């Protein structure tokens, strides 16, 4: 194999596989050198890496019979729970536990997270804390904790997914969240956190708060000008839905996210186009439409059952034209390119 082809193969290796190997070396073979906040972030990163795989791993560990990602996450969760005494002063106990808790909800393991759930539910300042900027709390919060609303969204999303999975939670979990959750903290929150919050509230069955969460998403989508939703935020929101197993055309606001991205296709970057193209194919397949079908086969196929102008028909139309792979007008317009013809 030539060096050029070898380098290309290395570049095409899935990024998450490389991340998994680094996490395994850094946190499993030398756990004493891992700091608490890094361990919490590693738990969530590893769970997201495993959920992002298109196919389930075939190889299983002989001693446990579990996939390597689950075994690694179980070890990381154990270390993260043992490192609670060394969390940085910029994080509260509840803020620290939200990432391991969300990781356990995304990729279920045999680690008992009941103590972490109880600690999060008991810390009232975590749910009702004053609105604070991340810059005033130190740089570590900007990297691992984010704005104050992000850990709360992770906690609600994790609790909702656990309840849907049948995990045994404290009997008053839903009522406790209903009493403590302050949705005013989410007024200026980005779409990924609002999506995770909404999914968690649905899992907990809090109908009154679900309506408020939907209104927050509607207000975010209505913003225009400099405050409009950027394409990267739309990609992250759709990826959150896919990670949670909720990226279907029936989910609220999914078509609104796709519509906004399609209307701004000329401003999309290359990576955003690739992500949106993959997500659009995923949605089209849920509707029984195969994006790779040729125009000849489409002409011979029966007429679609979706009503013209409906969100379902629009998604199929975008997938049929491979909308997010088209070049922007800056590359195809003669008026834009007239200076380069000389």
C-alpha atoms as a PDB file:
ATOM      1  CA  UNK A   1       0.000   0.000   0.000  1.00  0.00           C
ATOM      2  CA  UNK A   2       1.385   3.374  -0.961  1.00  0.00           C
ATOM      3  CA  UNK A   3       2.017   6.047   1.731  1.00  0.00           C
ATOM      4  CA  UNK A   4      -0.644   8.291   0.216  1.00  0.00           C
ATOM      5  CA  UNK A   5      -3.344   5.640   0.457  1.00  0.00           C
ATOM      6  CA  UNK A   6      -2.217   4.709   3.970  1.00  0.00           C
ATOM      7  CA  UNK A   7      -2.499   8.304   5.179  1.00  0.00           C
ATOM      8  CA  UNK A   8      -5.908   8.616   3.593  1.00  0.00           C
ATOM      9  CA  UNK A   9      -7.080   5.489   5.364  1.00  0.00           C
ATOM     10  CA  UNK A  10      -5.914   6.901   8.672  1.00  0.00           C
ATOM     11  CA  UNK A  11      -7.743  10.157   8.023  1.00  0.00           C
ATOM     12  CA  UNK A  12     -10.932   8.238   7.289  1.00  0.00           C
ATOM     13  CA  UNK A  13     -10.760   6.246  10.518  1.00  0.00           C
ATOM     14  CA  UNK A  14     -13.806   7.134  12.649  1.00  0.00           C
ATOM     15  CA  UNK A  15     -12.927   9.859  15.102  1.00  0.00           C
ATOM     16  CA  UNK A  16     -14.892   8.257  17.906  1.00  0.00           C
ATOM     17  CA  UNK A  17     -12.827   5.043  17.671  1.00  0.00           C
ATOM     18  CA  UNK A  18      -9.668   7.067  18.234  1.00  0.00           C
ATOM     19  CA  UNK A  19     -11.306   8.924  21.115  1.00  0.00           C
ATOM     20  CA  UNK A  20     -12.328   5.620  22.704  1.00  0.00           C
ATOM     21  CA  UNK A  21      -8.768   4.294  22.583  1.00  0.00           C
ATOM     22  CA  UNK A  22      -7.406   7.491  24.133  1.00  0.00           C
ATOM     23  CA  UNK A  23      -9.971   7.396  26.915  1.00  0.00           C
ATOM     24  CA  UNK A  24      -9.141   3.766  27.569  1.00  0.00           C
ATOM     25  CA  UNK A  25      -5.425   4.528  27.932  1.00  0.00           C
ATOM     26  CA  UNK A  26      -5.863   7.730  29.915  1.00  0.00           C
ATOM     27  CA  UNK A  27      -8.532   6.661  32.380  1.00  0.00           C
ATOM     28  CA  UNK A  28      -8.523   2.875  32.585  1.00  0.00           C
ATOM     29  CA  UNK A  29      -4.834   2.046  32.648  1.00  0.00           C
ATOM     30  CA  UNK A  30      -3.850   4.997  34.850  1.00  0.00           C
ATOM     31  CA  UNK A  31      -6.939   5.967  36.872  1.00  0.00           C
ATOM     32  CA  UNK A  32      -5.016   7.660  39.677  1.00  0.00           C
ATOM     33  CA  UNK A  33      -3.832  10.413  37.321  1.00  0.00           C
ATOM     34  CA  UNK A  34      -7.360  11.322  36.198  1.00  0.00           C
ATOM     35  CA  UNK A  35      -8.983  14.382  37.736  1.00  0.00           C
ATOM     36  CA  UNK A  36     -12.623  14.363  38.747  1.00  0.00           C
ATOM     37  CA  UNK A  37     -13.910  16.784  36.114  1.00  0.00           C
ATOM     38  CA  UNK A  38     -12.022  14.949  33.372  1.00  0.00           C
ATOM     39  CA  UNK A  39     -13.537  11.665  34.507  1.00  0.00           C
ATOM     40  CA  UNK A  40     -17.058  13.093  34.356  1.00  0.00           C
ATOM     41  CA  UNK A  41     -16.450  14.463  30.857  1.00  0.00           C
ATOM     42  CA  UNK A  42     -14.885  11.160  29.774  1.00  0.00           C
ATOM     43  CA  UNK A  43     -18.008   9.248  30.859  1.00  0.00           C
ATOM     44  CA  UNK A  44     -20.255  11.387  28.678  1.00  0.00           C
ATOM     45  CA  UNK A  45     -17.836  11.369  25.727  1.00  0.00           C
ATOM     46  CA  UNK A  46     -17.568   7.593  25.792  1.00  0.00           C
ATOM     47  CA  UNK A  47     -21.347   7.141  25.936  1.00  0.00           C
ATOM     48  CA  UNK A  48     -21.794   9.507  22.995  1.00  0.00           C
ATOM     49  CA  UNK A  49     -19.065   7.660  21.088  1.00  0.00           C
ATOM     50  CA  UNK A  50     -20.830   4.341  21.558  1.00  0.00           C
ATOM     51  CA  UNK A  51     -24.243   5.767  20.614  1.00  0.00           C
ATOM     52  CA  UNK A  52     -22.835   7.375  17.472  1.00  0.00           C
ATOM     53  CA  UNK A  53     -21.826   4.046  15.944  1.00  0.00           C
ATOM     54  CA  UNK A  54     -24.001   3.046  13.016  1.00  0.00           C
ATOM     55  CA  UNK A  55     -23.751  -0.652  13.881  1.00  0.00           C
ATOM     56  CA  UNK A  56     -23.525  -2.394  17.207  1.00  0.00           C
ATOM     57  CA  UNK A  57     -20.015  -3.655  18.040  1.00  0.00           C
ATOM     58  CA  UNK A  58     -19.544  -7.314  17.208  1.00  0.00           C
ATOM     59  CA  UNK A  59     -16.597  -7.992  19.506  1.00  0.00           C
ATOM     60  CA  UNK A  60     -17.406  -8.739  23.148  1.00  0.00           C
ATOM     61  CA  UNK A  61     -15.120  -9.144  26.116  1.00  0.00           C
ATOM     62  CA  UNK A  62     -14.671 -12.827  27.101  1.00  0.00           C
ATOM     63  CA  UNK A  63     -14.710 -12.182  30.859  1.00  0.00           C
ATOM     64  CA  UNK A  64     -18.008 -10.246  30.943  1.00  0.00           C
ATOM     65  CA  UNK A  65     -19.635 -10.911  27.569  1.00  0.00           C
ATOM     66  CA  UNK A  66     -20.321  -7.171  27.179  1.00  0.00           C
ATOM     67  CA  UNK A  67     -19.183  -4.868  24.355  1.00  0.00           C
ATOM     68  CA  UNK A  68     -15.919  -3.042  25.131  1.00  0.00           C
ATOM     69  CA  UNK A  69     -17.642   0.364  25.227  1.00  0.00           C
ATOM     70  CA  UNK A  70     -20.035  -0.747  27.957  1.00  0.00           C
ATOM     71  CA  UNK A  71     -17.236  -2.311  29.971  1.00  0.00           C
ATOM     72  CA  UNK A  72     -15.129   0.832  29.643  1.00  0.00           C
ATOM     73  CA  UNK A  73     -18.047   3.050  30.623  1.00  0.00           C
ATOM     74  CA  UNK A  74     -18.759   0.880  33.662  1.00  0.00           C
ATOM     75  CA  UNK A  75     -15.158   1.307  34.795  1.00  0.00           C
ATOM     76  CA  UNK A  76     -15.230   5.062  34.132  1.00  0.00           C
ATOM     77  CA  UNK A  77     -18.516   5.512  36.004  1.00  0.00           C
ATOM     78  CA  UNK A  78     -17.101   3.675  39.001  1.00  0.00           C
ATOM     79  CA  UNK A  79     -14.024   5.902  39.009  1.00  0.00           C
ATOM     80  CA  UNK A  80     -16.123   9.048  38.577  1.00  0.00           C
ATOM     81  CA  UNK A  81     -18.315   8.165  41.557  1.00  0.00           C
ATOM     82  CA  UNK A  82     -15.247   7.415  43.667  1.00  0.00           C
ATOM     83  CA  UNK A  83     -13.706  10.786  42.733  1.00  0.00           C
ATOM     84  CA  UNK A  84     -16.582  12.887  44.092  1.00  0.00           C
ATOM     85  CA  UNK A  85     -14.471  14.059  47.006  1.00  0.00           C
ATOM     86  CA  UNK A  86     -11.979  15.739  44.661  1.00  0.00           C
ATOM     87  CA  UNK A  87     -14.340  17.732  42.448  1.00  0.00           C
ATOM     88  CA  UNK A  88     -13.131  21.276  41.653  1.00  0.00           C
ATOM     89  CA  UNK A  89     -14.578  24.118  43.769  1.00  0.00           C
ATOM     90  CA  UNK A  90     -16.147  25.703  40.677  1.00  0.00           C
ATOM     91  CA  UNK A  91     -18.582  22.765  40.417  1.00  0.00           C
ATOM     92  CA  UNK A  92     -21.256  21.691  42.854  1.00  0.00           C
ATOM     93  CA  UNK A  93     -21.855  18.022  43.552  1.00  0.00           C
ATOM     94  CA  UNK A  94     -25.023  17.997  41.424  1.00  0.00           C
ATOM     95  CA  UNK A  95     -23.306  19.730  38.498  1.00  0.00           C
ATOM     96  CA  UNK A  96     -20.504  17.190  38.603  1.00  0.00           C
ATOM     97  CA  UNK A  97     -22.868  14.208  38.659  1.00  0.00           C
ATOM     98  CA  UNK A  98     -24.987  15.276  35.680  1.00  0.00           C
ATOM     99  CA  UNK A  99     -22.499  14.044  33.077  1.00  0.00           C
ATOM    100  CA  UNK A 100     -22.039  10.540  34.541  1.00  0.00           C
ATOM    101  CA  UNK A 101     -25.801  10.342  35.035  1.00  0.00           C
ATOM    102  CA  UNK A 102     -26.522  11.280  31.410  1.00  0.00           C
ATOM    103  CA  UNK A 103     -23.877   8.802  30.242  1.00  0.00           C
ATOM    104  CA  UNK A 104     -25.573   6.033  32.238  1.00  0.00           C
ATOM    105  CA  UNK A 105     -28.926   6.993  30.693  1.00  0.00           C
ATOM    106  CA  UNK A 106     -27.573   6.937  27.131  1.00  0.00           C
ATOM    107  CA  UNK A 107     -25.640   3.692  27.511  1.00  0.00           C
ATOM    108  CA  UNK A 108     -27.162   1.648  30.360  1.00  0.00           C
ATOM    109  CA  UNK A 109     -24.677  -0.217  32.557  1.00  0.00           C
ATOM    110  CA  UNK A 110     -24.710  -2.222  35.759  1.00  0.00           C
ATOM    111  CA  UNK A 111     -23.325   0.646  37.861  1.00  0.00           C
ATOM    112  CA  UNK A 112     -25.731   1.734  40.599  1.00  0.00           C
ATOM    113  CA  UNK A 113     -26.452   5.451  40.063  1.00  0.00           C
ATOM    114  CA  UNK A 114     -29.123   5.758  42.786  1.00  0.00           C
ATOM    115  CA  UNK A 115     -26.821   7.706  45.089  1.00  0.00           C
ATOM    116  CA  UNK A 116     -26.049  10.170  42.307  1.00  0.00           C
ATOM    117  CA  UNK A 117     -29.738  10.617  41.486  1.00  0.00           C
ATOM    118  CA  UNK A 118     -30.523  11.272  45.145  1.00  0.00           C
ATOM    119  CA  UNK A 119     -27.689  13.818  45.434  1.00  0.00           C
ATOM    120  CA  UNK A 120     -28.927  15.733  42.404  1.00  0.00           C
ATOM    121  CA  UNK A 121     -32.523  15.798  43.624  1.00  0.00           C
ATOM    122  CA  UNK A 122     -31.529  16.983  47.096  1.00  0.00           C
ATOM    123  CA  UNK A 123     -29.418  19.986  46.015  1.00  0.00           C
ATOM    124  CA  UNK A 124     -31.961  22.799  45.706  1.00  0.00           C
ATOM    125  CA  UNK A 125     -29.398  25.456  44.769  1.00  0.00           C
ATOM    126  CA  UNK A 126     -28.587  23.413  41.670  1.00  0.00           C
ATOM    127  CA  UNK A 127     -32.195  23.759  40.467  1.00  0.00           C
ATOM    128  CA  UNK A 128     -32.929  27.262  41.696  1.00  0.00           C
ATOM    129  CA  UNK A 129     -29.531  28.911  41.547  1.00  0.00           C
ATOM    130  CA  UNK A 130     -29.252  32.567  40.582  1.00  0.00           C
ATOM    131  CA  UNK A 131     -28.590  33.380  36.936  1.00  0.00           C
ATOM    132  CA  UNK A 132     -24.841  33.564  36.647  1.00  0.00           C
ATOM    133  CA  UNK A 133     -22.452  33.919  33.755  1.00  0.00           C
ATOM    134  CA  UNK A 134     -19.923  31.227  33.101  1.00  0.00           C
ATOM    135  CA  UNK A 135     -17.037  33.721  32.951  1.00  0.00           C
ATOM    136  CA  UNK A 136     -17.549  34.725  36.604  1.00  0.00           C
ATOM    137  CA  UNK A 137     -17.156  31.125  37.749  1.00  0.00           C
ATOM    138  CA  UNK A 138     -13.771  30.343  36.243  1.00  0.00           C
ATOM    139  CA  UNK A 139     -12.538  28.887  32.941  1.00  0.00           C
ATOM    140  CA  UNK A 140     -13.157  25.284  33.999  1.00  0.00           C
ATOM    141  CA  UNK A 141     -16.888  25.893  33.903  1.00  0.00           C
ATOM    142  CA  UNK A 142     -16.717  27.093  30.318  1.00  0.00           C
ATOM    143  CA  UNK A 143     -15.084  23.817  29.311  1.00  0.00           C
ATOM    144  CA  UNK A 144     -16.832  21.218  31.457  1.00  0.00           C
ATOM    145  CA  UNK A 145     -19.872  22.843  33.034  1.00  0.00           C
ATOM    146  CA  UNK A 146     -21.086  25.459  30.606  1.00  0.00           C
ATOM    147  CA  UNK A 147     -23.825  27.919  31.460  1.00  0.00           C
ATOM    148  CA  UNK A 148     -25.912  27.134  34.565  1.00  0.00           C
ATOM    149  CA  UNK A 149     -28.845  25.851  32.501  1.00  0.00           C
ATOM    150  CA  UNK A 150     -26.823  23.138  30.747  1.00  0.00           C
ATOM    151  CA  UNK A 151     -26.264  20.852  33.759  1.00  0.00           C
ATOM    152  CA  UNK A 152     -29.949  21.163  34.694  1.00  0.00           C
ATOM    153  CA  UNK A 153     -30.973  20.144  31.153  1.00  0.00           C
ATOM    154  CA  UNK A 154     -28.626  17.156  31.356  1.00  0.00           C
ATOM    155  CA  UNK A 155     -30.122  16.126  34.699  1.00  0.00           C
ATOM    156  CA  UNK A 156     -33.724  16.375  33.491  1.00  0.00           C
ATOM    157  CA  UNK A 157     -32.922  14.551  30.253  1.00  0.00           C
ATOM    158  CA  UNK A 158     -31.115  11.749  32.102  1.00  0.00           C
ATOM    159  CA  UNK A 159     -33.901  11.296  34.650  1.00  0.00           C
ATOM    160  CA  UNK A 160     -36.549  11.213  31.927  1.00  0.00           C
ATOM    161  CA  UNK A 161     -34.671   8.643  29.834  1.00  0.00           C
ATOM    162  CA  UNK A 162     -34.024   6.476  32.893  1.00  0.00           C
ATOM    163  CA  UNK A 163     -37.686   6.474  33.806  1.00  0.00           C
ATOM    164  CA  UNK A 164     -38.620   5.483  30.246  1.00  0.00           C
ATOM    165  CA  UNK A 165     -36.097   2.629  30.404  1.00  0.00           C
ATOM    166  CA  UNK A 166     -37.686   1.306  33.600  1.00  0.00           C
ATOM    167  CA  UNK A 167     -34.791   2.229  35.885  1.00  0.00           C
ATOM    168  CA  UNK A 168     -35.909   2.349  39.510  1.00  0.00           C
ATOM    169  CA  UNK A 169     -35.841   6.000  40.610  1.00  0.00           C
ATOM    170  CA  UNK A 170     -36.954   7.560  43.900  1.00  0.00           C
ATOM    171  CA  UNK A 171     -40.747   7.539  44.139  1.00  0.00           C
ATOM    172  CA  UNK A 172     -41.012  11.328  44.252  1.00  0.00           C
ATOM    173  CA  UNK A 173     -38.629  12.057  41.364  1.00  0.00           C
ATOM    174  CA  UNK A 174     -41.227  13.621  39.046  1.00  0.00           C
ATOM    175  CA  UNK A 175     -42.814  15.714  41.795  1.00  0.00           C
ATOM    176  CA  UNK A 176     -39.411  16.816  43.036  1.00  0.00           C
ATOM    177  CA  UNK A 177     -38.383  17.987  39.571  1.00  0.00           C
ATOM    178  CA  UNK A 178     -41.761  19.696  39.112  1.00  0.00           C
ATOM    179  CA  UNK A 179     -41.279  21.637  42.331  1.00  0.00           C
ATOM    180  CA  UNK A 180     -37.625  22.572  41.890  1.00  0.00           C
ATOM    181  CA  UNK A 181     -37.282  23.199  38.135  1.00  0.00           C
ATOM    182  CA  UNK A 182     -37.143  26.887  37.210  1.00  0.00           C
ATOM    183  CA  UNK A 183     -37.744  27.210  33.480  1.00  0.00           C
ATOM    184  CA  UNK A 184     -36.923  30.928  33.541  1.00  0.00           C
ATOM    185  CA  UNK A 185     -33.280  29.887  33.556  1.00  0.00           C
ATOM    186  CA  UNK A 186     -33.750  28.515  30.033  1.00  0.00           C
ATOM    187  CA  UNK A 187     -34.930  31.739  28.367  1.00  0.00           C
ATOM    188  CA  UNK A 188     -31.622  32.285  26.551  1.00  0.00           C
ATOM    189  CA  UNK A 189     -30.604  28.646  26.263  1.00  0.00           C
ATOM    190  CA  UNK A 190     -29.517  27.065  23.000  1.00  0.00           C
ATOM    191  CA  UNK A 191     -31.612  24.490  21.164  1.00  0.00           C
ATOM    192  CA  UNK A 192     -29.637  21.341  22.150  1.00  0.00           C
ATOM    193  CA  UNK A 193     -30.292  21.960  25.837  1.00  0.00           C
ATOM    194  CA  UNK A 194     -33.947  22.811  25.161  1.00  0.00           C
ATOM    195  CA  UNK A 195     -34.340  19.573  23.188  1.00  0.00           C
ATOM    196  CA  UNK A 196     -32.777  17.531  25.993  1.00  0.00           C
ATOM    197  CA  UNK A 197     -34.960  19.326  28.539  1.00  0.00           C
ATOM    198  CA  UNK A 198     -38.109  18.619  26.529  1.00  0.00           C
ATOM    199  CA  UNK A 199     -37.281  14.929  26.123  1.00  0.00           C
ATOM    200  CA  UNK A 200     -36.596  14.604  29.843  1.00  0.00           C
ATOM    201  CA  UNK A 201     -39.872  16.251  30.805  1.00  0.00           C
ATOM    202  CA  UNK A 202     -41.733  13.905  28.460  1.00  0.00           C
ATOM    203  CA  UNK A 203     -40.075  10.910  30.073  1.00  0.00           C
ATOM    204  CA  UNK A 204     -41.041  12.152  33.530  1.00  0.00           C
ATOM    205  CA  UNK A 205     -44.613  12.813  32.411  1.00  0.00           C
ATOM    206  CA  UNK A 206     -44.688  16.474  33.509  1.00  0.00           C
ATOM    207  CA  UNK A 207     -47.356  17.720  31.099  1.00  0.00           C
ATOM    208  CA  UNK A 208     -47.551  21.290  32.429  1.00  0.00           C
ATOM    209  CA  UNK A 209     -43.818  21.805  32.088  1.00  0.00           C
ATOM    210  CA  UNK A 210     -43.775  20.149  28.661  1.00  0.00           C
ATOM    211  CA  UNK A 211     -45.983  22.943  27.325  1.00  0.00           C
ATOM    212  CA  UNK A 212     -43.617  25.587  28.715  1.00  0.00           C
ATOM    213  CA  UNK A 213     -40.611  23.792  27.220  1.00  0.00           C
ATOM    214  CA  UNK A 214     -42.282  23.775  23.806  1.00  0.00           C
ATOM    215  CA  UNK A 215     -42.937  27.502  24.085  1.00  0.00           C
ATOM    216  CA  UNK A 216     -39.254  28.076  24.848  1.00  0.00           C
ATOM    217  CA  UNK A 217     -38.292  26.201  21.676  1.00  0.00           C
ATOM    218  CA  UNK A 218     -40.814  28.185  19.650  1.00  0.00           C
ATOM    219  CA  UNK A 219     -39.427  31.480  20.929  1.00  0.00           C
ATOM    220  CA  UNK A 220     -35.886  30.367  20.090  1.00  0.00           C
ATOM    221  CA  UNK A 221     -36.885  29.434  16.545  1.00  0.00           C
ATOM    222  CA  UNK A 222     -38.659  32.765  16.004  1.00  0.00           C
ATOM    223  CA  UNK A 223     -35.547  34.849  16.643  1.00  0.00           C
ATOM    224  CA  UNK A 224     -34.153  36.645  13.609  1.00  0.00           C
ATOM    225  CA  UNK A 225     -31.141  38.709  12.658  1.00  0.00           C
ATOM    226  CA  UNK A 226     -28.061  38.352  14.836  1.00  0.00           C
ATOM    227  CA  UNK A 227     -30.023  36.276  17.359  1.00  0.00           C
ATOM    228  CA  UNK A 228     -31.229  33.758  14.754  1.00  0.00           C
ATOM    229  CA  UNK A 229     -30.450  30.092  15.285  1.00  0.00           C
ATOM    230  CA  UNK A 230     -27.105  29.267  13.613  1.00  0.00           C
ATOM    231  CA  UNK A 231     -26.707  26.145  11.512  1.00  0.00           C
ATOM    232  CA  UNK A 232     -24.321  24.546  13.999  1.00  0.00           C
ATOM    233  CA  UNK A 233     -26.950  24.827  16.725  1.00  0.00           C
ATOM    234  CA  UNK A 234     -29.524  23.166  14.453  1.00  0.00           C
ATOM    235  CA  UNK A 235     -27.095  20.329  13.737  1.00  0.00           C
ATOM    236  CA  UNK A 236     -26.427  19.811  17.434  1.00  0.00           C
ATOM    237  CA  UNK A 237     -30.146  19.805  18.260  1.00  0.00           C
ATOM    238  CA  UNK A 238     -30.853  17.161  15.614  1.00  0.00           C
ATOM    239  CA  UNK A 239     -27.870  15.104  16.777  1.00  0.00           C
ATOM    240  CA  UNK A 240     -29.177  15.215  20.360  1.00  0.00           C
ATOM    241  CA  UNK A 241     -32.472  13.798  19.117  1.00  0.00           C
ATOM    242  CA  UNK A 242     -30.677  11.070  17.165  1.00  0.00           C
ATOM    243  CA  UNK A 243     -28.514  10.157  20.163  1.00  0.00           C
ATOM    244  CA  UNK A 244     -31.619   9.859  22.340  1.00  0.00           C
ATOM    245  CA  UNK A 245     -33.324   7.725  19.689  1.00  0.00           C
ATOM    246  CA  UNK A 246     -35.959  10.395  19.024  1.00  0.00           C
ATOM    247  CA  UNK A 247     -35.030  11.610  15.535  1.00  0.00           C
ATOM    248  CA  UNK A 248     -38.287  10.767  13.760  1.00  0.00           C
ATOM    249  CA  UNK A 249     -40.572  12.945  11.611  1.00  0.00           C
ATOM    250  CA  UNK A 250     -43.281  12.706  14.292  1.00  0.00           C
ATOM    251  CA  UNK A 251     -41.197  14.498  16.905  1.00  0.00           C
ATOM    252  CA  UNK A 252     -42.144  18.151  17.515  1.00  0.00           C
ATOM    253  CA  UNK A 253     -39.940  20.763  15.846  1.00  0.00           C
ATOM    254  CA  UNK A 254     -37.902  18.234  13.823  1.00  0.00           C
ATOM    255  CA  UNK A 255     -39.277  19.555  10.544  1.00  0.00           C
ATOM    256  CA  UNK A 256     -38.796  23.148  11.749  1.00  0.00           C
ATOM    257  CA  UNK A 257     -35.114  22.416  12.368  1.00  0.00           C
ATOM    258  CA  UNK A 258     -34.705  20.863   8.908  1.00  0.00           C
ATOM    259  CA  UNK A 259     -36.656  23.680   7.249  1.00  0.00           C
ATOM    260  CA  UNK A 260     -34.468  26.384   8.797  1.00  0.00           C
ATOM    261  CA  UNK A 261     -31.317  24.559   7.736  1.00  0.00           C
ATOM    262  CA  UNK A 262     -32.668  24.040   4.192  1.00  0.00           C
ATOM    263  CA  UNK A 263     -33.549  27.717   3.839  1.00  0.00           C
ATOM    264  CA  UNK A 264     -29.984  28.667   4.825  1.00  0.00           C
ATOM    265  CA  UNK A 265     -28.238  26.052   2.706  1.00  0.00           C
ATOM    266  CA  UNK A 266     -26.056  28.700   1.039  1.00  0.00           C
ATOM    267  CA  UNK A 267     -24.491  29.587   4.402  1.00  0.00           C
ATOM    268  CA  UNK A 268     -23.750  26.043   5.534  1.00  0.00           C
ATOM    269  CA  UNK A 269     -20.179  24.906   6.029  1.00  0.00           C
ATOM    270  CA  UNK A 270     -18.880  21.643   4.624  1.00  0.00           C
ATOM    271  CA  UNK A 271     -19.129  19.739   7.909  1.00  0.00           C
ATOM    272  CA  UNK A 272     -22.633  21.036   8.556  1.00  0.00           C
ATOM    273  CA  UNK A 273     -23.721  19.898   5.090  1.00  0.00           C
ATOM    274  CA  UNK A 274     -22.420  16.385   5.711  1.00  0.00           C
ATOM    275  CA  UNK A 275     -24.171  16.100   9.070  1.00  0.00           C
ATOM    276  CA  UNK A 276     -27.468  17.455   7.766  1.00  0.00           C
ATOM    277  CA  UNK A 277     -27.330  15.226   4.699  1.00  0.00           C
ATOM    278  CA  UNK A 278     -26.940  12.139   6.898  1.00  0.00           C
ATOM    279  CA  UNK A 279     -29.736  13.243   9.236  1.00  0.00           C
ATOM    280  CA  UNK A 280     -32.029  14.006   6.303  1.00  0.00           C
ATOM    281  CA  UNK A 281     -31.490  10.494   4.929  1.00  0.00           C
ATOM    282  CA  UNK A 282     -32.285   9.100   8.367  1.00  0.00           C
ATOM    283  CA  UNK A 283     -35.594  10.990   8.459  1.00  0.00           C
ATOM    284  CA  UNK A 284     -36.484  10.008   4.885  1.00  0.00           C
ATOM    285  CA  UNK A 285     -35.917   6.334   5.639  1.00  0.00           C
ATOM    286  CA  UNK A 286     -38.373   6.603   8.532  1.00  0.00           C
ATOM    287  CA  UNK A 287     -40.961   7.661   5.948  1.00  0.00           C
ATOM    288  CA  UNK A 288     -40.226   4.690   3.696  1.00  0.00           C
ATOM    289  CA  UNK A 289     -38.233   6.742   1.185  1.00  0.00           C
ATOM    290  CA  UNK A 290     -34.778   5.623   0.095  1.00  0.00           C
ATOM    291  CA  UNK A 291     -32.701   8.702  -0.861  1.00  0.00           C
ATOM    292  CA  UNK A 292     -30.382   6.656  -3.110  1.00  0.00           C
ATOM    293  CA  UNK A 293     -33.144   5.561  -5.501  1.00  0.00           C
ATOM    294  CA  UNK A 294     -32.535   6.653  -9.103  1.00  0.00           C
ATOM    295  CA  UNK A 295     -34.872   8.989 -10.989  1.00  0.00           C
ATOM    296  CA  UNK A 296     -35.940   6.115 -13.267  1.00  0.00           C
ATOM    297  CA  UNK A 297     -36.993   3.986 -10.297  1.00  0.00           C
ATOM    298  CA  UNK A 298     -38.759   6.951  -8.729  1.00  0.00           C
ATOM    299  CA  UNK A 299     -40.754   7.507 -11.918  1.00  0.00           C
ATOM    300  CA  UNK A 300     -41.868   3.868 -11.907  1.00  0.00           C
ATOM    301  CA  UNK A 301     -42.571   3.781  -8.170  1.00  0.00           C
ATOM    302  CA  UNK A 302     -46.106   4.348  -6.848  1.00  0.00           C
ATOM    303  CA  UNK A 303     -47.084   7.865  -5.883  1.00  0.00           C
ATOM    304  CA  UNK A 304     -46.152   8.839  -2.314  1.00  0.00           C
ATOM    305  CA  UNK A 305     -48.887   8.651   0.278  1.00  0.00           C
ATOM    306  CA  UNK A 306     -47.944  11.939   1.949  1.00  0.00           C
ATOM    307  CA  UNK A 307     -50.176  14.935   1.350  1.00  0.00           C
ATOM    308  CA  UNK A 308     -48.608  17.634  -0.873  1.00  0.00           C
ATOM    309  CA  UNK A 309     -47.124  20.416   1.200  1.00  0.00           C
ATOM    310  CA  UNK A 310     -47.005  18.327   4.390  1.00  0.00           C
ATOM    311  CA  UNK A 311     -43.811  18.093   6.452  1.00  0.00           C
ATOM    312  CA  UNK A 312     -43.445  14.449   5.427  1.00  0.00           C
ATOM    313  CA  UNK A 313     -43.687  15.278   1.728  1.00  0.00           C
ATOM    314  CA  UNK A 314     -41.216  18.143   2.174  1.00  0.00           C
ATOM    315  CA  UNK A 315     -38.662  15.880   3.837  1.00  0.00           C
ATOM    316  CA  UNK A 316     -38.969  13.353   1.002  1.00  0.00           C
ATOM    317  CA  UNK A 317     -38.572  16.148  -1.568  1.00  0.00           C
ATOM    318  CA  UNK A 318     -35.421  17.447   0.120  1.00  0.00           C
ATOM    319  CA  UNK A 319     -33.983  13.924   0.287  1.00  0.00           C
ATOM    320  CA  UNK A 320     -34.895  13.203  -3.351  1.00  0.00           C
ATOM    321  CA  UNK A 321     -32.971  16.286  -4.508  1.00  0.00           C
ATOM    322  CA  UNK A 322     -30.124  15.609  -2.046  1.00  0.00           C
ATOM    323  CA  UNK A 323     -30.641  19.161  -0.885  1.00  0.00           C
ATOM    324  CA  UNK A 324     -27.676  19.560   1.456  1.00  0.00           C
ATOM    325  CA  UNK A 325     -25.132  18.374  -1.122  1.00  0.00           C
ATOM    326  CA  UNK A 326     -25.972  21.113  -3.611  1.00  0.00           C
ATOM    327  CA  UNK A 327     -23.479  23.877  -4.124  1.00  0.00           C
ATOM    328  CA  UNK A 328     -24.224  27.321  -2.800  1.00  0.00           C
ATOM    329  CA  UNK A 329     -25.152  30.157  -5.113  1.00  0.00           C
ATOM    330  CA  UNK A 330     -21.751  31.703  -4.491  1.00  0.00           C
ATOM    331  CA  UNK A 331     -20.232  28.775  -6.433  1.00  0.00           C
ATOM    332  CA  UNK A 332     -22.816  28.507  -9.202  1.00  0.00           C
ATOM    333  CA  UNK A 333     -23.998  32.048  -9.859  1.00  0.00           C
ATOM    334  CA  UNK A 334     -22.449  33.739 -12.893  1.00  0.00           C
ATOM    335  CA  UNK A 335     -23.049  37.121 -11.249  1.00  0.00           C
ATOM    336  CA  UNK A 336     -21.016  36.090  -8.210  1.00  0.00           C
ATOM    337  CA  UNK A 337     -18.252  34.560 -10.319  1.00  0.00           C
ATOM    338  CA  UNK A 338     -17.997  37.226 -13.011  1.00  0.00           C
ATOM    339  CA  UNK A 339     -14.749  38.640 -11.608  1.00  0.00           C
ATOM    340  CA  UNK A 340     -13.032  35.253 -11.898  1.00  0.00           C
ATOM    341  CA  UNK A 341     -13.744  34.890 -15.639  1.00  0.00           C
ATOM    342  CA  UNK A 342     -11.153  37.416 -16.705  1.00  0.00           C
END
